C-alpha atoms as a PDB file:
ATOM      1  CA  MET A   1     -44.463  47.020 -72.520  1.00  0.00           C
ATOM      2  CA  ALA A   2     -42.800  46.309 -69.208  1.00  0.00           C
ATOM      3  CA  VAL A   3     -43.150  49.910 -68.257  1.00  0.00           C
ATOM      4  CA  GLN A   4     -46.833  49.935 -68.998  1.00  0.00           C
ATOM      5  CA  ASP A   5     -47.398  46.779 -66.983  1.00  0.00           C
ATOM      6  CA  HIS A   6     -45.568  48.319 -64.090  1.00  0.00           C
ATOM      7  CA  GLU A   7     -47.506  51.540 -64.240  1.00  0.00           C
ATOM      8  CA  SER A   8     -50.836  49.849 -64.541  1.00  0.00           C
ATOM      9  CA  ASP A   9     -50.017  47.620 -61.558  1.00  0.00           C
ATOM     10  CA  TRP A  10     -49.127  50.684 -59.585  1.00  0.00           C
ATOM     11  CA  GLN A  11     -52.238  52.462 -60.543  1.00  0.00           C
ATOM     12  CA  ASP A  12     -54.312  49.444 -59.679  1.00  0.00           C
ATOM     13  CA  THR A  13     -52.711  49.378 -56.298  1.00  0.00           C
ATOM     14  CA  GLN A  14     -53.395  53.075 -55.805  1.00  0.00           C
ATOM     15  CA  GLN A  15     -56.933  52.751 -56.801  1.00  0.00           C
ATOM     16  CA  SER A  16     -57.583  49.608 -54.829  1.00  0.00           C
ATOM     17  CA  GLY A  17     -56.019  51.131 -51.720  1.00  0.00           C
ATOM     18  CA  GLN A  18     -58.536  53.970 -51.609  1.00  0.00           C
ATOM     19  CA  PRO A  19     -61.891  53.131 -53.000  1.00  0.00           C
ATOM     20  CA  GLY A  20     -63.911  55.923 -54.456  1.00  0.00           C
ATOM     21  CA  VAL A  21     -61.084  58.405 -54.412  1.00  0.00           C
ATOM     22  CA  ALA A  22     -59.408  59.265 -57.617  1.00  0.00           C
ATOM     23  CA  PRO A  23     -55.747  59.649 -57.562  1.00  0.00           C
ATOM     24  CA  THR A  24     -54.760  63.273 -57.659  1.00  0.00           C
ATOM     25  CA  HIS A  25     -51.179  62.905 -58.143  1.00  0.00           C
ATOM     26  CA  GLU A  26     -48.841  60.175 -58.774  1.00  0.00           C
ATOM     27  CA  VAL A  27     -46.548  59.163 -55.904  1.00  0.00           C
ATOM     28  CA  HIS A  28     -43.699  56.995 -56.705  1.00  0.00           C
ATOM     29  CA  ARG A  29     -42.961  54.619 -53.912  1.00  0.00           C
ATOM     30  CA  PRO A  30     -39.914  52.456 -53.832  1.00  0.00           C
ATOM     31  CA  ALA A  31     -40.419  48.715 -53.889  1.00  0.00           C
ATOM     32  CA  ALA A  32     -41.245  47.294 -50.508  1.00  0.00           C
ATOM     33  CA  GLN A  33     -38.250  45.885 -48.680  1.00  0.00           C
ATOM     34  CA  PRO A  34     -38.687  42.630 -46.846  1.00  0.00           C
ATOM     35  CA  GLN A  35     -39.095  43.295 -43.194  1.00  0.00           C
ATOM     36  CA  PRO A  36     -36.845  41.414 -40.740  1.00  0.00           C
ATOM     37  CA  LEU A  37     -38.460  38.391 -39.184  1.00  0.00           C
ATOM     38  CA  SER A  38     -39.785  38.912 -35.733  1.00  0.00           C
ATOM     39  CA  TRP A  39     -38.805  36.450 -32.991  1.00  0.00           C
ATOM     40  CA  ARG A  40     -42.461  35.474 -32.868  1.00  0.00           C
ATOM     41  CA  HIS A  41     -42.462  34.408 -36.453  1.00  0.00           C
ATOM     42  CA  PRO A  42     -43.224  30.646 -36.780  1.00  0.00           C
ATOM     43  CA  LEU A  43     -40.061  29.969 -38.764  1.00  0.00           C
ATOM     44  CA  VAL A  44     -37.898  31.604 -36.078  1.00  0.00           C
ATOM     45  CA  LEU A  45     -39.740  29.764 -33.333  1.00  0.00           C
ATOM     46  CA  THR A  46     -39.310  26.494 -35.206  1.00  0.00           C
ATOM     47  CA  LEU A  47     -35.583  27.124 -35.680  1.00  0.00           C
ATOM     48  CA  VAL A  48     -35.173  28.055 -32.016  1.00  0.00           C
ATOM     49  CA  ALA A  49     -37.096  24.959 -30.948  1.00  0.00           C
ATOM     50  CA  LEU A  50     -34.994  22.750 -33.246  1.00  0.00           C
ATOM     51  CA  SER A  51     -31.819  24.359 -31.898  1.00  0.00           C
ATOM     52  CA  ILE A  52     -32.918  23.731 -28.314  1.00  0.00           C
ATOM     53  CA  VAL A  53     -33.858  20.158 -29.145  1.00  0.00           C
ATOM     54  CA  ALA A  54     -30.489  19.651 -30.874  1.00  0.00           C
ATOM     55  CA  VAL A  55     -28.577  21.121 -27.923  1.00  0.00           C
ATOM     56  CA  LEU A  56     -30.576  19.028 -25.455  1.00  0.00           C
ATOM     57  CA  THR A  57     -30.117  15.926 -27.608  1.00  0.00           C
ATOM     58  CA  LEU A  58     -26.373  16.523 -27.794  1.00  0.00           C
ATOM     59  CA  GLY A  59     -26.261  17.168 -24.049  1.00  0.00           C
ATOM     60  CA  VAL A  60     -28.238  14.027 -23.221  1.00  0.00           C
ATOM     61  CA  ARG A  61     -26.162  12.015 -25.678  1.00  0.00           C
ATOM     62  CA  GLY A  62     -22.943  13.385 -24.156  1.00  0.00           C
ATOM     63  CA  CYS A  63     -24.160  12.572 -20.643  1.00  0.00           C
ATOM     64  CA  THR A  64     -25.231   9.093 -21.731  1.00  0.00           C
ATOM     65  CA  GLU A  65     -21.901   8.453 -23.434  1.00  0.00           C
ATOM     66  CA  ARG A  66     -20.044   9.775 -20.390  1.00  0.00           C
ATOM     67  CA  LYS A  67     -22.067   7.534 -18.083  1.00  0.00           C
ATOM     68  CA  ALA A  68     -21.473   4.574 -20.382  1.00  0.00           C
ATOM     69  CA  ARG A  69     -17.727   5.335 -20.486  1.00  0.00           C
ATOM     70  CA  LEU A  70     -17.632   5.679 -16.691  1.00  0.00           C
ATOM     71  CA  ALA A  71     -19.566   2.424 -16.348  1.00  0.00           C
ATOM     72  CA  ARG A  72     -17.110   0.674 -18.694  1.00  0.00           C
ATOM     73  CA  GLU A  73     -14.161   2.086 -16.762  1.00  0.00           C
ATOM     74  CA  GLU A  74     -15.730   1.014 -13.464  1.00  0.00           C
ATOM     75  CA  MET A  75     -16.455  -2.440 -14.867  1.00  0.00           C
ATOM     76  CA  ALA A  76     -12.873  -2.723 -16.119  1.00  0.00           C
ATOM     77  CA  ARG A  77     -11.580  -1.613 -12.714  1.00  0.00           C
ATOM     78  CA  VAL A  78     -13.839  -4.106 -10.923  1.00  0.00           C
ATOM     79  CA  ASN A  79     -12.773  -6.879 -13.313  1.00  0.00           C
ATOM     80  CA  ALA A  80      -9.109  -6.035 -12.787  1.00  0.00           C
ATOM     81  CA  GLN A  81      -9.605  -5.914  -9.035  1.00  0.00           C
ATOM     82  CA  THR A  82     -11.482  -9.221  -9.103  1.00  0.00           C
ATOM     83  CA  ALA A  83      -8.761 -10.813 -11.211  1.00  0.00           C
ATOM     84  CA  HIS A  84      -6.138  -9.481  -8.821  1.00  0.00           C
ATOM     85  CA  GLN A  85      -8.064 -10.812  -5.815  1.00  0.00           C
ATOM     86  CA  MET A  86      -8.481 -14.182  -7.514  1.00  0.00           C
ATOM     87  CA  GLN A  87      -4.754 -14.278  -8.234  1.00  0.00           C
ATOM     88  CA  LEU A  88      -3.970 -13.400  -4.610  1.00  0.00           C
ATOM     89  CA  GLN A  89      -6.418 -16.028  -3.422  1.00  0.00           C
ATOM     90  CA  ALA A  90      -4.865 -18.647  -5.715  1.00  0.00           C
ATOM     91  CA  GLU A  91      -1.402 -17.723  -4.450  1.00  0.00           C
ATOM     92  CA  GLN A  92      -2.651 -17.936  -0.842  1.00  0.00           C
ATOM     93  CA  GLN A  93      -4.187 -21.351  -1.508  1.00  0.00           C
ATOM     94  CA  GLN A  94      -0.958 -22.477  -3.115  1.00  0.00           C
ATOM     95  CA  ARG A  95       1.037 -21.264  -0.090  1.00  0.00           C
ATOM     96  CA  GLU A  96      -1.410 -23.030   2.245  1.00  0.00           C
ATOM     97  CA  GLU A  97      -1.138 -26.242   0.218  1.00  0.00           C
ATOM     98  CA  ILE A  98       2.655 -26.039   0.339  1.00  0.00           C
ATOM     99  CA  ALA A  99       2.480 -25.446   4.099  1.00  0.00           C
ATOM    100  CA  ARG A 100       0.145 -28.457   4.503  1.00  0.00           C
ATOM    101  CA  GLN A 101       2.482 -30.611   2.421  1.00  0.00           C
ATOM    102  CA  GLN A 102       5.446 -29.464   4.459  1.00  0.00           C
ATOM    103  CA  ALA A 103       3.545 -30.152   7.680  1.00  0.00           C
ATOM    104  CA  ARG A 104       2.598 -33.636   6.405  1.00  0.00           C
ATOM    105  CA  GLN A 105       6.176 -34.273   5.351  1.00  0.00           C
ATOM    106  CA  ALA A 106       7.459 -33.026   8.711  1.00  0.00           C
ATOM    107  CA  ALA A 107       4.956 -35.294  10.506  1.00  0.00           C
ATOM    108  CA  LEU A 108       6.005 -38.244   8.336  1.00  0.00           C
ATOM    109  CA  ASP A 109       9.670 -37.453   8.960  1.00  0.00           C
ATOM    110  CA  GLN A 110       8.987 -37.192  12.685  1.00  0.00           C
ATOM    111  CA  GLN A 111       7.098 -40.496  12.676  1.00  0.00           C
ATOM    112  CA  GLU A 112       9.900 -42.132  10.708  1.00  0.00           C
ATOM    113  CA  ALA A 113      12.475 -40.711  13.114  1.00  0.00           C
ATOM    114  CA  ALA A 114      10.399 -41.963  16.064  1.00  0.00           C
ATOM    115  CA  LYS A 115      10.190 -45.409  14.452  1.00  0.00           C
ATOM    116  CA  ARG A 116      13.948 -45.460  13.870  1.00  0.00           C
ATOM    117  CA  GLN A 117      14.552 -44.303  17.442  1.00  0.00           C
ATOM    118  CA  ALA A 118      12.183 -46.947  18.783  1.00  0.00           C
ATOM    119  CA  ALA A 119      13.902 -49.592  16.652  1.00  0.00           C
ATOM    120  CA  ARG A 120      17.316 -48.452  17.941  1.00  0.00           C
ATOM    121  CA  GLU A 121      16.048 -48.520  21.510  1.00  0.00           C
ATOM    122  CA  ARG A 122      14.565 -51.984  20.971  1.00  0.00           C
ATOM    123  CA  GLU A 123      17.833 -53.191  19.509  1.00  0.00           C
ATOM    124  CA  GLN A 124      19.738 -51.649  22.406  1.00  0.00           C
ATOM    125  CA  GLN A 125      17.358 -53.252  24.896  1.00  0.00           C
ATOM    126  CA  GLU A 126      17.640 -56.598  23.129  1.00  0.00           C
ATOM    127  CA  GLU A 127      21.421 -56.268  23.078  1.00  0.00           C
ATOM    128  CA  ALA A 128      21.420 -55.281  26.741  1.00  0.00           C
ATOM    129  CA  ALA A 129      19.127 -58.240  27.503  1.00  0.00           C
ATOM    130  CA  ARG A 130      21.454 -60.580  25.565  1.00  0.00           C
ATOM    131  CA  ARG A 131      24.470 -59.180  27.389  1.00  0.00           C
ATOM    132  CA  ALA A 132      22.607 -59.496  30.670  1.00  0.00           C
ATOM    133  CA  GLU A 133      21.708 -63.103  29.827  1.00  0.00           C
ATOM    134  CA  VAL A 134      25.304 -63.833  28.851  1.00  0.00           C
ATOM    135  CA  ALA A 135      26.563 -62.103  32.002  1.00  0.00           C
ATOM    136  CA  GLU A 136      24.002 -63.966  34.083  1.00  0.00           C
ATOM    137  CA  ALA A 137      24.958 -67.240  32.469  1.00  0.00           C
ATOM    138  CA  GLU A 138      28.637 -66.478  33.187  1.00  0.00           C
ATOM    139  CA  ARG A 139      27.883 -65.595  36.818  1.00  0.00           C
ATOM    140  CA  LYS A 140      25.797 -68.732  37.190  1.00  0.00           C
ATOM    141  CA  GLU A 141      28.555 -70.769  35.610  1.00  0.00           C
ATOM    142  CA  GLN A 142      31.130 -69.227  37.952  1.00  0.00           C
ATOM    143  CA  ALA A 143      28.843 -69.775  40.946  1.00  0.00           C
ATOM    144  CA  TRP A 144      28.343 -73.408  39.879  1.00  0.00           C
ATOM    145  CA  ALA A 145      32.054 -73.854  39.491  1.00  0.00           C
ATOM    146  CA  LYS A 146      32.563 -72.530  43.043  1.00  0.00           C
ATOM    147  CA  PHE A 147      29.623 -74.542  44.407  1.00  0.00           C
ATOM    148  CA  TYR A 148      30.266 -77.961  42.927  1.00  0.00           C
ATOM    149  CA  ARG A 149      33.543 -79.761  43.181  1.00  0.00           C
ATOM    150  CA  LYS A 150      33.582 -83.066  41.479  1.00  0.00           C
ATOM    151  CA  PRO A 151      34.815 -85.763  43.847  1.00  0.00           C
ATOM    152  CA  ALA A 152      38.155 -87.260  42.817  1.00  0.00           C
ATOM    153  CA  SER A 153      36.632 -90.738  42.615  1.00  0.00           C
ATOM    154  CA  CYS A 154      34.220 -89.480  39.917  1.00  0.00           C
ATOM    155  CA  ASN A 155      37.036 -88.082  37.761  1.00  0.00           C
ATOM    156  CA  ASP A 156      38.057 -91.466  36.427  1.00  0.00           C
ATOM    157  CA  ALA A 157      34.798 -93.362  36.270  1.00  0.00           C
ATOM    158  CA  MET A 158      31.274 -92.290  35.792  1.00  0.00           C
ATOM    159  CA  THR A 159      29.223 -94.277  38.178  1.00  0.00           C
ATOM    160  CA  MET A 160      25.610 -94.098  39.133  1.00  0.00           C
ATOM    161  CA  ALA A 161      26.530 -92.642  42.487  1.00  0.00           C
ATOM    162  CA  CYS A 162      28.550 -89.864  40.835  1.00  0.00           C
ATOM    163  CA  THR A 163      25.635 -89.064  38.549  1.00  0.00           C
ATOM    164  CA  ASN A 164      23.125 -88.992  41.418  1.00  0.00           C
ATOM    165  CA  ASP A 165      25.513 -86.889  43.487  1.00  0.00           C
ATOM    166  CA  TYR A 166      25.862 -84.457  40.541  1.00  0.00           C
ATOM    167  CA  ILE A 167      22.056 -84.226  40.105  1.00  0.00           C
ATOM    168  CA  ARG A 168      21.484 -83.594  43.840  1.00  0.00           C
ATOM    169  CA  ALA A 169      24.197 -80.924  43.851  1.00  0.00           C
ATOM    170  CA  LYS A 170      22.699 -79.264  40.734  1.00  0.00           C
ATOM    171  CA  ARG A 171      19.170 -79.134  42.282  1.00  0.00           C
ATOM    172  CA  ASP A 172      20.539 -77.760  45.539  1.00  0.00           C
ATOM    173  CA  PHE A 173      22.530 -75.153  43.563  1.00  0.00           C
ATOM    174  CA  GLU A 174      19.508 -74.086  41.488  1.00  0.00           C
ATOM    175  CA  ARG A 175      17.374 -73.654  44.598  1.00  0.00           C
ATOM    176  CA  LYS A 176      20.008 -71.579  46.421  1.00  0.00           C
ATOM    177  CA  TYR A 177      20.861 -69.573  43.301  1.00  0.00           C
ATOM    178  CA  ALA A 178      17.197 -68.720  42.741  1.00  0.00           C
ATOM    179  CA  LYS A 179      16.925 -67.457  46.331  1.00  0.00           C
ATOM    180  CA  GLY A 180      20.051 -65.387  45.821  1.00  0.00           C
ATOM    181  CA  GLU A 181      22.045 -67.192  48.460  1.00  0.00           C
ATOM    182  CA  LEU A 182      24.970 -67.723  46.130  1.00  0.00           C
END
């Protein structure tokens, strides 16, 4: 049965291929082999287009990922640089603050030293003034002792005349001493 079906199909094909001509002899043709697809075939074109799209997509994706990675690296570098600069700036501010504190302390120390020096000088001047007063009082006392000699009559008794004589001598001494005559 299969052979008959095959022969009748072949005969139908022979007859349909040439209308009005009766087959004169039987030619046995081998079964048709599939022909290779041409590059213009829609399936080939579709596959080529999909391949191109895939390659382009992968290329664009690779470029995008590379740019993103470079941007992340650049951002990390900028962040690290910024952090480093901030650290340097903080250290600089700390050094400046220490320098200001040292300058303030030095100024305070200098002021304190100046106050102590001024106090010492004042004390020295006061001591010198006291010594000068004592020396002046001693000189005046010595000058008075040279200037005034108590009369012998006044040694035993204190009379009004002795007192008046003493007061006159003291006034005369003060006047002459003030002028620098003694």
